[in-house]
Amino acid sequence: KRSSPGAVLFRQERVGHAGRRFHILKFRSMCDGAEAQVDAL
């Protein structure tokens, strides 16, 4: 929380058992808005 702006937890949609989608939880390790830069990288 103190290292950079943004939420503490990063939520991302993933595909799980039997193809059901769920939101995986991680501590945020990237800058805010990192998902929008995926195609460029």
PDB file of all heavy atoms in Angstrom:
ATOM      1  N   LYS A   1       0.829  -1.210   0.000  1.00  0.00           N
ATOM      2  CA  LYS A   1       0.000   0.000   0.000  1.00  0.00           C
ATOM      3  C   LYS A   1       0.861   1.257   0.000  1.00  0.00           C
ATOM      4  O   LYS A   1       0.527   2.236  -0.683  1.00  0.00           O
ATOM      5  CB  LYS A   1      -0.913  -0.013   1.230  1.00  0.00           C
ATOM      6  CG  LYS A   1      -1.933   1.117   1.248  1.00  0.00           C
ATOM      7  CD  LYS A   1      -2.884   0.999   0.072  1.00  0.00           C
ATOM      8  CE  LYS A   1      -3.941   2.091   0.100  1.00  0.00           C
ATOM      9  NZ  LYS A   1      -4.851   2.034  -1.066  1.00  0.00           N
ATOM     10  N   ARG A   2       1.974   1.213   0.713  1.00  0.00           N
ATOM     11  CA  ARG A   2       2.810   2.398   0.833  1.00  0.00           C
ATOM     12  C   ARG A   2       3.836   2.520  -0.299  1.00  0.00           C
ATOM     13  O   ARG A   2       4.421   3.593  -0.492  1.00  0.00           O
ATOM     14  CB  ARG A   2       3.539   2.386   2.184  1.00  0.00           C
ATOM     15  CG  ARG A   2       2.606   2.374   3.376  1.00  0.00           C
ATOM     16  CD  ARG A   2       3.349   2.496   4.684  1.00  0.00           C
ATOM     17  NE  ARG A   2       4.059   3.777   4.780  1.00  0.00           N
ATOM     18  CZ  ARG A   2       4.756   4.163   5.856  1.00  0.00           C
ATOM     19  NH1 ARG A   2       4.819   3.361   6.914  1.00  0.00           N
ATOM     20  NH2 ARG A   2       5.374   5.324   5.872  1.00  0.00           N
ATOM     21  N   SER A   3       4.077   1.424  -1.021  1.00  0.00           N
ATOM     22  CA  SER A   3       5.133   1.444  -2.047  1.00  0.00           C
ATOM     23  C   SER A   3       4.719   2.175  -3.317  1.00  0.00           C
ATOM     24  O   SER A   3       5.549   2.792  -3.984  1.00  0.00           O
ATOM     25  CB  SER A   3       5.564   0.014  -2.389  1.00  0.00           C
ATOM     26  OG  SER A   3       4.492  -0.692  -2.998  1.00  0.00           O
ATOM     27  N   SER A   4       3.435   2.105  -3.680  1.00  0.00           N
ATOM     28  CA  SER A   4       2.974   2.726  -4.930  1.00  0.00           C
ATOM     29  C   SER A   4       1.467   2.845  -4.902  1.00  0.00           C
ATOM     30  O   SER A   4       0.785   2.107  -4.171  1.00  0.00           O
ATOM     31  CB  SER A   4       3.418   1.894  -6.140  1.00  0.00           C
ATOM     32  OG  SER A   4       2.852   0.595  -6.075  1.00  0.00           O
ATOM     33  N   PRO A   5       0.897   3.749  -5.687  1.00  0.00           N
ATOM     34  CA  PRO A   5      -0.564   3.905  -5.727  1.00  0.00           C
ATOM     35  C   PRO A   5      -1.233   2.643  -6.268  1.00  0.00           C
ATOM     36  O   PRO A   5      -0.688   1.958  -7.132  1.00  0.00           O
ATOM     37  CB  PRO A   5      -0.764   5.096  -6.670  1.00  0.00           C
ATOM     38  CG  PRO A   5       0.559   5.797  -6.709  1.00  0.00           C
ATOM     39  CD  PRO A   5       1.587   4.745  -6.532  1.00  0.00           C
ATOM     40  N   GLY A   6      -2.428   2.356  -5.764  1.00  0.00           N
ATOM     41  CA  GLY A   6      -3.172   1.206  -6.245  1.00  0.00           C
ATOM     42  C   GLY A   6      -3.644   0.330  -5.108  1.00  0.00           C
ATOM     43  O   GLY A   6      -3.310   0.542  -3.939  1.00  0.00           O
ATOM     44  N   ALA A   7      -4.446  -0.676  -5.441  1.00  0.00           N
ATOM     45  CA  ALA A   7      -4.987  -1.597  -4.443  1.00  0.00           C
ATOM     46  C   ALA A   7      -3.895  -2.512  -3.907  1.00  0.00           C
ATOM     47  O   ALA A   7      -2.870  -2.741  -4.561  1.00  0.00           O
ATOM     48  CB  ALA A   7      -6.109  -2.425  -5.058  1.00  0.00           C
ATOM     49  N   VAL A   8      -4.114  -3.065  -2.726  1.00  0.00           N
ATOM     50  CA  VAL A   8      -3.154  -4.008  -2.122  1.00  0.00           C
ATOM     51  C   VAL A   8      -3.197  -5.338  -2.861  1.00  0.00           C
ATOM     52  O   VAL A   8      -2.154  -5.927  -3.184  1.00  0.00           O
ATOM     53  CB  VAL A   8      -3.467  -4.214  -0.622  1.00  0.00           C
ATOM     54  CG1 VAL A   8      -2.620  -5.367  -0.061  1.00  0.00           C
ATOM     55  CG2 VAL A   8      -3.225  -2.935   0.142  1.00  0.00           C
ATOM     56  N   LEU A   9      -4.397  -5.810  -3.156  1.00  0.00           N
ATOM     57  CA  LEU A   9      -4.566  -7.102  -3.819  1.00  0.00           C
ATOM     58  C   LEU A   9      -4.863  -6.914  -5.300  1.00  0.00           C
ATOM     59  O   LEU A   9      -5.616  -6.016  -5.695  1.00  0.00           O
ATOM     60  CB  LEU A   9      -5.699  -7.899  -3.171  1.00  0.00           C
ATOM     61  CG  LEU A   9      -5.470  -8.380  -1.741  1.00  0.00           C
ATOM     62  CD1 LEU A   9      -6.690  -9.142  -1.228  1.00  0.00           C
ATOM     63  CD2 LEU A   9      -4.233  -9.269  -1.654  1.00  0.00           C
ATOM     64  N   PHE A  10      -4.266  -7.756  -6.096  1.00  0.00           N
ATOM     65  CA  PHE A  10      -4.497  -7.761  -7.542  1.00  0.00           C
ATOM     66  C   PHE A  10      -5.445  -8.907  -7.856  1.00  0.00           C
ATOM     67  O   PHE A  10      -5.193 -10.062  -7.500  1.00  0.00           O
ATOM     68  CB  PHE A  10      -3.172  -7.941  -8.267  1.00  0.00           C
ATOM     69  CG  PHE A  10      -3.312  -8.168  -9.749  1.00  0.00           C
ATOM     70  CD1 PHE A  10      -3.761  -7.154 -10.584  1.00  0.00           C
ATOM     71  CD2 PHE A  10      -2.989  -9.401 -10.311  1.00  0.00           C
ATOM     72  CE1 PHE A  10      -3.887  -7.364 -11.949  1.00  0.00           C
ATOM     73  CE2 PHE A  10      -3.107  -9.618 -11.670  1.00  0.00           C
ATOM     74  CZ  PHE A  10      -3.559  -8.594 -12.488  1.00  0.00           C
ATOM     75  N   ARG A  11      -6.568  -8.599  -8.489  1.00  0.00           N
ATOM     76  CA  ARG A  11      -7.555  -9.605  -8.877  1.00  0.00           C
ATOM     77  C   ARG A  11      -7.535  -9.764 -10.394  1.00  0.00           C
ATOM     78  O   ARG A  11      -7.587  -8.767 -11.121  1.00  0.00           O
ATOM     79  CB  ARG A  11      -8.959  -9.185  -8.436  1.00  0.00           C
ATOM     80  CG  ARG A  11      -9.175  -9.212  -6.941  1.00  0.00           C
ATOM     81  CD  ARG A  11     -10.406  -8.406  -6.545  1.00  0.00           C
ATOM     82  NE  ARG A  11     -11.563  -8.772  -7.351  1.00  0.00           N
ATOM     83  CZ  ARG A  11     -12.431  -9.729  -7.035  1.00  0.00           C
ATOM     84  NH1 ARG A  11     -12.262 -10.407  -5.912  1.00  0.00           N
ATOM     85  NH2 ARG A  11     -13.457 -10.002  -7.808  1.00  0.00           N
ATOM     86  N   GLN A  12      -7.433 -11.009 -10.842  1.00  0.00           N
ATOM     87  CA  GLN A  12      -7.373 -11.264 -12.286  1.00  0.00           C
ATOM     88  C   GLN A  12      -8.211 -12.486 -12.616  1.00  0.00           C
ATOM     89  O   GLN A  12      -8.165 -13.498 -11.910  1.00  0.00           O
ATOM     90  CB  GLN A  12      -5.925 -11.501 -12.719  1.00  0.00           C
ATOM     91  CG  GLN A  12      -5.746 -11.624 -14.227  1.00  0.00           C
ATOM     92  CD  GLN A  12      -4.292 -11.843 -14.595  1.00  0.00           C
ATOM     93  OE1 GLN A  12      -3.625 -12.729 -14.046  1.00  0.00           O
ATOM     94  NE2 GLN A  12      -3.779 -11.042 -15.516  1.00  0.00           N
ATOM     95  N   GLU A  13      -8.958 -12.400 -13.694  1.00  0.00           N
ATOM     96  CA  GLU A  13      -9.802 -13.513 -14.097  1.00  0.00           C
ATOM     97  C   GLU A  13      -8.954 -14.625 -14.692  1.00  0.00           C
ATOM     98  O   GLU A  13      -8.122 -14.399 -15.567  1.00  0.00           O
ATOM     99  CB  GLU A  13     -10.858 -13.060 -15.110  1.00  0.00           C
ATOM    100  CG  GLU A  13     -11.909 -14.120 -15.387  1.00  0.00           C
ATOM    101  CD  GLU A  13     -12.992 -13.634 -16.337  1.00  0.00           C
ATOM    102  OE1 GLU A  13     -12.630 -13.134 -17.428  1.00  0.00           O
ATOM    103  OE2 GLU A  13     -14.174 -13.740 -15.986  1.00  0.00           O
ATOM    104  N   ARG A  14      -9.156 -15.832 -14.206  1.00  0.00           N
ATOM    105  CA  ARG A  14      -8.468 -17.011 -14.713  1.00  0.00           C
ATOM    106  C   ARG A  14      -9.489 -18.105 -15.002  1.00  0.00           C
ATOM    107  O   ARG A  14     -10.656 -18.025 -14.593  1.00  0.00           O
ATOM    108  CB  ARG A  14      -7.449 -17.527 -13.696  1.00  0.00           C
ATOM    109  CG  ARG A  14      -6.321 -16.547 -13.368  1.00  0.00           C
ATOM    110  CD  ARG A  14      -5.363 -16.365 -14.523  1.00  0.00           C
ATOM    111  NE  ARG A  14      -4.261 -15.491 -14.193  1.00  0.00           N
ATOM    112  CZ  ARG A  14      -3.049 -15.899 -13.844  1.00  0.00           C
ATOM    113  NH1 ARG A  14      -2.791 -17.199 -13.764  1.00  0.00           N
ATOM    114  NH2 ARG A  14      -2.107 -15.019 -13.570  1.00  0.00           N
ATOM    115  N   VAL A  15      -9.042 -19.146 -15.698  1.00  0.00           N
ATOM    116  CA  VAL A  15      -9.906 -20.290 -16.024  1.00  0.00           C
ATOM    117  C   VAL A  15      -9.491 -21.454 -15.139  1.00  0.00           C
ATOM    118  O   VAL A  15      -8.314 -21.824 -15.084  1.00  0.00           O
ATOM    119  CB  VAL A  15      -9.789 -20.678 -17.500  1.00  0.00           C
ATOM    120  CG1 VAL A  15     -10.724 -21.842 -17.824  1.00  0.00           C
ATOM    121  CG2 VAL A  15     -10.104 -19.480 -18.388  1.00  0.00           C
ATOM    122  N   GLY A  16     -10.459 -22.027 -14.440  1.00  0.00           N
ATOM    123  CA  GLY A  16     -10.169 -23.088 -13.491  1.00  0.00           C
ATOM    124  C   GLY A  16     -10.817 -24.406 -13.840  1.00  0.00           C
ATOM    125  O   GLY A  16     -11.026 -24.729 -15.010  1.00  0.00           O
ATOM    126  N   HIS A  17     -11.151 -25.160 -12.816  1.00  0.00           N
ATOM    127  CA  HIS A  17     -11.704 -26.509 -12.969  1.00  0.00           C
ATOM    128  C   HIS A  17     -12.958 -26.505 -13.844  1.00  0.00           C
ATOM    129  O   HIS A  17     -13.850 -25.674 -13.671  1.00  0.00           O
ATOM    130  CB  HIS A  17     -12.029 -27.066 -11.577  1.00  0.00           C
ATOM    131  CG  HIS A  17     -12.599 -28.444 -11.599  1.00  0.00           C
ATOM    132  ND1 HIS A  17     -13.648 -28.837 -10.800  1.00  0.00           N
ATOM    133  CD2 HIS A  17     -12.250 -29.540 -12.336  1.00  0.00           C
ATOM    134  CE1 HIS A  17     -13.931 -30.100 -11.045  1.00  0.00           C
ATOM    135  NE2 HIS A  17     -13.093 -30.554 -11.961  1.00  0.00           N
ATOM    136  N   ALA A  18     -12.982 -27.426 -14.811  1.00  0.00           N
ATOM    137  CA  ALA A  18     -14.113 -27.590 -15.727  1.00  0.00           C
ATOM    138  C   ALA A  18     -14.377 -26.341 -16.560  1.00  0.00           C
ATOM    139  O   ALA A  18     -15.493 -26.134 -17.049  1.00  0.00           O
ATOM    140  CB  ALA A  18     -15.375 -27.991 -14.956  1.00  0.00           C
ATOM    141  N   GLY A  19     -13.348 -25.485 -16.725  1.00  0.00           N
ATOM    142  CA  GLY A  19     -13.501 -24.297 -17.549  1.00  0.00           C
ATOM    143  C   GLY A  19     -14.192 -23.141 -16.863  1.00  0.00           C
ATOM    144  O   GLY A  19     -14.455 -22.110 -17.511  1.00  0.00           O
ATOM    145  N   ARG A  20     -14.509 -23.302 -15.555  1.00  0.00           N
ATOM    146  CA  ARG A  20     -15.175 -22.218 -14.837  1.00  0.00           C
ATOM    147  C   ARG A  20     -14.183 -21.082 -14.552  1.00  0.00           C
ATOM    148  O   ARG A  20     -13.042 -21.331 -14.181  1.00  0.00           O
ATOM    149  CB  ARG A  20     -15.788 -22.732 -13.533  1.00  0.00           C
ATOM    150  CG  ARG A  20     -17.000 -23.622 -13.745  1.00  0.00           C
ATOM    151  CD  ARG A  20     -17.701 -23.904 -12.433  1.00  0.00           C
ATOM    152  NE  ARG A  20     -16.938 -24.831 -11.628  1.00  0.00           N
ATOM    153  CZ  ARG A  20     -17.107 -26.153 -11.651  1.00  0.00           C
ATOM    154  NH1 ARG A  20     -18.010 -26.681 -12.452  1.00  0.00           N
ATOM    155  NH2 ARG A  20     -16.377 -26.928 -10.889  1.00  0.00           N
ATOM    156  N   ARG A  21     -14.652 -19.860 -14.680  1.00  0.00           N
ATOM    157  CA  ARG A  21     -13.787 -18.702 -14.461  1.00  0.00           C
ATOM    158  C   ARG A  21     -13.878 -18.245 -13.006  1.00  0.00           C
ATOM    159  O   ARG A  21     -14.936 -18.331 -12.371  1.00  0.00           O
ATOM    160  CB  ARG A  21     -14.163 -17.570 -15.412  1.00  0.00           C
ATOM    161  CG  ARG A  21     -14.002 -17.955 -16.879  1.00  0.00           C
ATOM    162  CD  ARG A  21     -14.116 -16.771 -17.802  1.00  0.00           C
ATOM    163  NE  ARG A  21     -13.936 -17.156 -19.192  1.00  0.00           N
ATOM    164  CZ  ARG A  21     -13.805 -16.307 -20.194  1.00  0.00           C
ATOM    165  NH1 ARG A  21     -13.828 -14.990 -19.953  1.00  0.00           N
ATOM    166  NH2 ARG A  21     -13.640 -16.732 -21.432  1.00  0.00           N
ATOM    167  N   PHE A  22     -12.768 -17.745 -12.508  1.00  0.00           N
ATOM    168  CA  PHE A  22     -12.721 -17.237 -11.138  1.00  0.00           C
ATOM    169  C   PHE A  22     -11.686 -16.121 -11.087  1.00  0.00           C
ATOM    170  O   PHE A  22     -10.927 -15.924 -12.037  1.00  0.00           O
ATOM    171  CB  PHE A  22     -12.353 -18.358 -10.160  1.00  0.00           C
ATOM    172  CG  PHE A  22     -10.922 -18.818 -10.266  1.00  0.00           C
ATOM    173  CD1 PHE A  22      -9.963 -18.371  -9.368  1.00  0.00           C
ATOM    174  CD2 PHE A  22     -10.517 -19.698 -11.275  1.00  0.00           C
ATOM    175  CE1 PHE A  22      -8.644 -18.783  -9.456  1.00  0.00           C
ATOM    176  CE2 PHE A  22      -9.198 -20.117 -11.375  1.00  0.00           C
ATOM    177  CZ  PHE A  22      -8.254 -19.660 -10.473  1.00  0.00           C
ATOM    178  N   HIS A  23     -11.659 -15.398  -9.989  1.00  0.00           N
ATOM    179  CA  HIS A  23     -10.707 -14.311  -9.824  1.00  0.00           C
ATOM    180  C   HIS A  23      -9.602 -14.754  -8.872  1.00  0.00           C
ATOM    181  O   HIS A  23      -9.855 -15.035  -7.699  1.00  0.00           O
ATOM    182  CB  HIS A  23     -11.397 -13.045  -9.302  1.00  0.00           C
ATOM    183  CG  HIS A  23     -12.211 -12.354 -10.343  1.00  0.00           C
ATOM    184  ND1 HIS A  23     -13.544 -12.609 -10.531  1.00  0.00           N
ATOM    185  CD2 HIS A  23     -11.856 -11.410 -11.277  1.00  0.00           C
ATOM    186  CE1 HIS A  23     -13.998 -11.864 -11.532  1.00  0.00           C
ATOM    187  NE2 HIS A  23     -12.998 -11.127 -11.993  1.00  0.00           N
ATOM    188  N   ILE A  24      -8.388 -14.818  -9.400  1.00  0.00           N
ATOM    189  CA  ILE A  24      -7.233 -15.201  -8.602  1.00  0.00           C
ATOM    190  C   ILE A  24      -6.757 -13.969  -7.820  1.00  0.00           C
ATOM    191  O   ILE A  24      -6.860 -12.841  -8.294  1.00  0.00           O
ATOM    192  CB  ILE A  24      -6.104 -15.751  -9.503  1.00  0.00           C
ATOM    193  CG1 ILE A  24      -5.052 -16.491  -8.686  1.00  0.00           C
ATOM    194  CG2 ILE A  24      -5.465 -14.649 -10.325  1.00  0.00           C
ATOM    195  CD1 ILE A  24      -4.023 -17.230  -9.544  1.00  0.00           C
ATOM    196  N   LEU A  25      -6.264 -14.201  -6.604  1.00  0.00           N
ATOM    197  CA  LEU A  25      -5.802 -13.125  -5.742  1.00  0.00           C
ATOM    198  C   LEU A  25      -4.286 -13.168  -5.602  1.00  0.00           C
ATOM    199  O   LEU A  25      -3.705 -14.243  -5.417  1.00  0.00           O
ATOM    200  CB  LEU A  25      -6.434 -13.237  -4.349  1.00  0.00           C
ATOM    201  CG  LEU A  25      -7.958 -13.158  -4.273  1.00  0.00           C
ATOM    202  CD1 LEU A  25      -8.424 -13.352  -2.831  1.00  0.00           C
ATOM    203  CD2 LEU A  25      -8.452 -11.823  -4.810  1.00  0.00           C
ATOM    204  N   LYS A  26      -3.670 -12.003  -5.723  1.00  0.00           N
ATOM    205  CA  LYS A  26      -2.233 -11.866  -5.500  1.00  0.00           C
ATOM    206  C   LYS A  26      -1.962 -10.522  -4.839  1.00  0.00           C
ATOM    207  O   LYS A  26      -2.771  -9.592  -4.952  1.00  0.00           O
ATOM    208  CB  LYS A  26      -1.455 -11.921  -6.826  1.00  0.00           C
ATOM    209  CG  LYS A  26      -1.462 -13.237  -7.556  1.00  0.00           C
ATOM    210  CD  LYS A  26      -0.553 -13.163  -8.782  1.00  0.00           C
ATOM    211  CE  LYS A  26      -0.493 -14.477  -9.534  1.00  0.00           C
ATOM    212  NZ  LYS A  26       0.473 -14.410 -10.670  1.00  0.00           N
ATOM    213  N   PHE A  27      -0.834 -10.420  -4.146  1.00  0.00           N
ATOM    214  CA  PHE A  27      -0.391  -9.094  -3.753  1.00  0.00           C
ATOM    215  C   PHE A  27       0.022  -8.334  -5.010  1.00  0.00           C
ATOM    216  O   PHE A  27       0.720  -8.881  -5.873  1.00  0.00           O
ATOM    217  CB  PHE A  27       0.802  -9.178  -2.796  1.00  0.00           C
ATOM    218  CG  PHE A  27       0.418  -9.494  -1.376  1.00  0.00           C
ATOM    219  CD1 PHE A  27       0.952 -10.596  -0.727  1.00  0.00           C
ATOM    220  CD2 PHE A  27      -0.476  -8.693  -0.687  1.00  0.00           C
ATOM    221  CE1 PHE A  27       0.600 -10.895   0.571  1.00  0.00           C
ATOM    222  CE2 PHE A  27      -0.833  -8.980   0.623  1.00  0.00           C
ATOM    223  CZ  PHE A  27      -0.301 -10.087   1.261  1.00  0.00           C
ATOM    224  N   ARG A  28      -0.412  -7.087  -5.127  1.00  0.00           N
ATOM    225  CA  ARG A  28      -0.084  -6.308  -6.325  1.00  0.00           C
ATOM    226  C   ARG A  28       1.426  -6.101  -6.422  1.00  0.00           C
ATOM    227  O   ARG A  28       2.059  -5.602  -5.500  1.00  0.00           O
ATOM    228  CB  ARG A  28      -0.796  -4.946  -6.278  1.00  0.00           C
ATOM    229  CG  ARG A  28      -0.563  -4.092  -7.519  1.00  0.00           C
ATOM    230  CD  ARG A  28      -1.387  -2.826  -7.469  1.00  0.00           C
ATOM    231  NE  ARG A  28      -1.140  -2.054  -6.270  1.00  0.00           N
ATOM    232  CZ  ARG A  28      -0.104  -1.222  -6.123  1.00  0.00           C
ATOM    233  NH1 ARG A  28       0.781  -1.065  -7.105  1.00  0.00           N
ATOM    234  NH2 ARG A  28       0.059  -0.563  -4.987  1.00  0.00           N
ATOM    235  N   SER A  29       1.987  -6.499  -7.546  1.00  0.00           N
ATOM    236  CA  SER A  29       3.435  -6.362  -7.758  1.00  0.00           C
ATOM    237  C   SER A  29       3.756  -5.416  -8.909  1.00  0.00           C
ATOM    238  O   SER A  29       4.925  -5.207  -9.226  1.00  0.00           O
ATOM    239  CB  SER A  29       4.061  -7.731  -8.036  1.00  0.00           C
ATOM    240  OG  SER A  29       3.492  -8.330  -9.191  1.00  0.00           O
ATOM    241  N   MET A  30       2.716  -4.870  -9.542  1.00  0.00           N
ATOM    242  CA  MET A  30       2.913  -3.977 -10.684  1.00  0.00           C
ATOM    243  C   MET A  30       2.306  -2.618 -10.404  1.00  0.00           C
ATOM    244  O   MET A  30       1.529  -2.442  -9.456  1.00  0.00           O
ATOM    245  CB  MET A  30       2.284  -4.568 -11.946  1.00  0.00           C
ATOM    246  CG  MET A  30       2.942  -5.841 -12.441  1.00  0.00           C
ATOM    247  SD  MET A  30       2.210  -6.377 -14.011  1.00  0.00           S
ATOM    248  CE  MET A  30       3.233  -7.788 -14.380  1.00  0.00           C
ATOM    249  N   CYS A  31       2.631  -1.692 -11.272  1.00  0.00           N
ATOM    250  CA  CYS A  31       2.049  -0.358 -11.165  1.00  0.00           C
ATOM    251  C   CYS A  31       0.566  -0.411 -11.507  1.00  0.00           C
ATOM    252  O   CYS A  31       0.091  -1.349 -12.160  1.00  0.00           O
ATOM    253  CB  CYS A  31       2.766   0.619 -12.093  1.00  0.00           C
ATOM    254  SG  CYS A  31       2.663   0.171 -13.841  1.00  0.00           S
ATOM    255  N   ASP A  32      -0.172   0.565 -11.068  1.00  0.00           N
ATOM    256  CA  ASP A  32      -1.605   0.613 -11.329  1.00  0.00           C
ATOM    257  C   ASP A  32      -1.854   0.745 -12.839  1.00  0.00           C
ATOM    258  O   ASP A  32      -1.201   1.529 -13.527  1.00  0.00           O
ATOM    259  CB  ASP A  32      -2.211   1.800 -10.580  1.00  0.00           C
ATOM    260  CG  ASP A  32      -3.721   1.694 -10.494  1.00  0.00           C
ATOM    261  OD1 ASP A  32      -4.222   0.562 -10.541  1.00  0.00           O
ATOM    262  OD2 ASP A  32      -4.387   2.736 -10.392  1.00  0.00           O
ATOM    263  N   GLY A  33      -2.794  -0.060 -13.364  1.00  0.00           N
ATOM    264  CA  GLY A  33      -3.111  -0.012 -14.795  1.00  0.00           C
ATOM    265  C   GLY A  33      -2.200  -0.863 -15.653  1.00  0.00           C
ATOM    266  O   GLY A  33      -2.129  -0.668 -16.874  1.00  0.00           O
ATOM    267  N   ALA A  34      -1.494  -1.829 -15.048  1.00  0.00           N
ATOM    268  CA  ALA A  34      -0.534  -2.654 -15.796  1.00  0.00           C
ATOM    269  C   ALA A  34      -1.205  -3.528 -16.849  1.00  0.00           C
ATOM    270  O   ALA A  34      -0.606  -3.831 -17.883  1.00  0.00           O
ATOM    271  CB  ALA A  34       0.245  -3.530 -14.815  1.00  0.00           C
ATOM    272  N   GLU A  35      -2.448  -3.925 -16.614  1.00  0.00           N
ATOM    273  CA  GLU A  35      -3.143  -4.810 -17.544  1.00  0.00           C
ATOM    274  C   GLU A  35      -3.303  -4.177 -18.927  1.00  0.00           C
ATOM    275  O   GLU A  35      -3.285  -4.874 -19.943  1.00  0.00           O
ATOM    276  CB  GLU A  35      -4.515  -5.179 -16.983  1.00  0.00           C
ATOM    277  CG  GLU A  35      -4.488  -6.156 -15.835  1.00  0.00           C
ATOM    278  CD  GLU A  35      -4.110  -7.550 -16.293  1.00  0.00           C
ATOM    279  OE1 GLU A  35      -4.978  -8.269 -16.818  1.00  0.00           O
ATOM    280  OE2 GLU A  35      -2.928  -7.909 -16.142  1.00  0.00           O
ATOM    281  N   ALA A  36      -3.423  -2.851 -18.977  1.00  0.00           N
ATOM    282  CA  ALA A  36      -3.637  -2.163 -20.251  1.00  0.00           C
ATOM    283  C   ALA A  36      -2.385  -2.176 -21.123  1.00  0.00           C
ATOM    284  O   ALA A  36      -2.462  -1.864 -22.326  1.00  0.00           O
ATOM    285  CB  ALA A  36      -4.083  -0.725 -20.003  1.00  0.00           C
ATOM    286  N   GLN A  37      -1.233  -2.552 -20.564  1.00  0.00           N
ATOM    287  CA  GLN A  37       0.021  -2.534 -21.305  1.00  0.00           C
ATOM    288  C   GLN A  37       0.441  -3.903 -21.838  1.00  0.00           C
ATOM    289  O   GLN A  37       1.527  -4.038 -22.404  1.00  0.00           O
ATOM    290  CB  GLN A  37       1.138  -1.983 -20.403  1.00  0.00           C
ATOM    291  CG  GLN A  37       0.855  -0.615 -19.816  1.00  0.00           C
ATOM    292  CD  GLN A  37       1.946  -0.150 -18.876  1.00  0.00           C
ATOM    293  OE1 GLN A  37       3.139  -0.377 -19.128  1.00  0.00           O
ATOM    294  NE2 GLN A  37       1.561   0.496 -17.777  1.00  0.00           N
ATOM    295  N   VAL A  38      -0.396  -4.910 -21.633  1.00  0.00           N
ATOM    296  CA  VAL A  38      -0.019  -6.276 -22.016  1.00  0.00           C
ATOM    297  C   VAL A  38       0.257  -6.398 -23.504  1.00  0.00           C
ATOM    298  O   VAL A  38       1.278  -6.959 -23.925  1.00  0.00           O
ATOM    299  CB  VAL A  38      -1.121  -7.274 -21.595  1.00  0.00           C
ATOM    300  CG1 VAL A  38      -0.845  -8.656 -22.189  1.00  0.00           C
ATOM    301  CG2 VAL A  38      -1.209  -7.365 -20.079  1.00  0.00           C
ATOM    302  N   ASP A  39      -0.640  -5.885 -24.343  1.00  0.00           N
ATOM    303  CA  ASP A  39      -0.469  -6.029 -25.798  1.00  0.00           C
ATOM    304  C   ASP A  39       0.821  -5.384 -26.282  1.00  0.00           C
ATOM    305  O   ASP A  39       1.500  -5.910 -27.174  1.00  0.00           O
ATOM    306  CB  ASP A  39      -1.666  -5.411 -26.522  1.00  0.00           C
ATOM    307  CG  ASP A  39      -2.941  -6.207 -26.301  1.00  0.00           C
ATOM    308  OD1 ASP A  39      -2.822  -7.409 -25.970  1.00  0.00           O
ATOM    309  OD2 ASP A  39      -4.040  -5.637 -26.435  1.00  0.00           O
ATOM    310  N   ALA A  40       1.201  -4.265 -25.684  1.00  0.00           N
ATOM    311  CA  ALA A  40       2.419  -3.575 -26.103  1.00  0.00           C
ATOM    312  C   ALA A  40       3.667  -4.362 -25.731  1.00  0.00           C
ATOM    313  O   ALA A  40       4.704  -4.231 -26.385  1.00  0.00           O
ATOM    314  CB  ALA A  40       2.471  -2.190 -25.463  1.00  0.00           C
ATOM    315  N   LEU A  41       3.578  -5.223 -24.707  1.00  0.00           N
ATOM    316  CA  LEU A  41       4.746  -5.970 -24.231  1.00  0.00           C
ATOM    317  C   LEU A  41       4.766  -7.413 -24.724  1.00  0.00           C
ATOM    318  O   LEU A  41       5.716  -8.144 -24.440  1.00  0.00           O
ATOM    319  CB  LEU A  41       4.767  -5.975 -22.691  1.00  0.00           C
ATOM    320  CG  LEU A  41       5.000  -4.619 -22.011  1.00  0.00           C
ATOM    321  CD1 LEU A  41       4.776  -4.750 -20.514  1.00  0.00           C
ATOM    322  CD2 LEU A  41       6.412  -4.128 -22.298  1.00  0.00           C
TER     323      LEU A  41
END
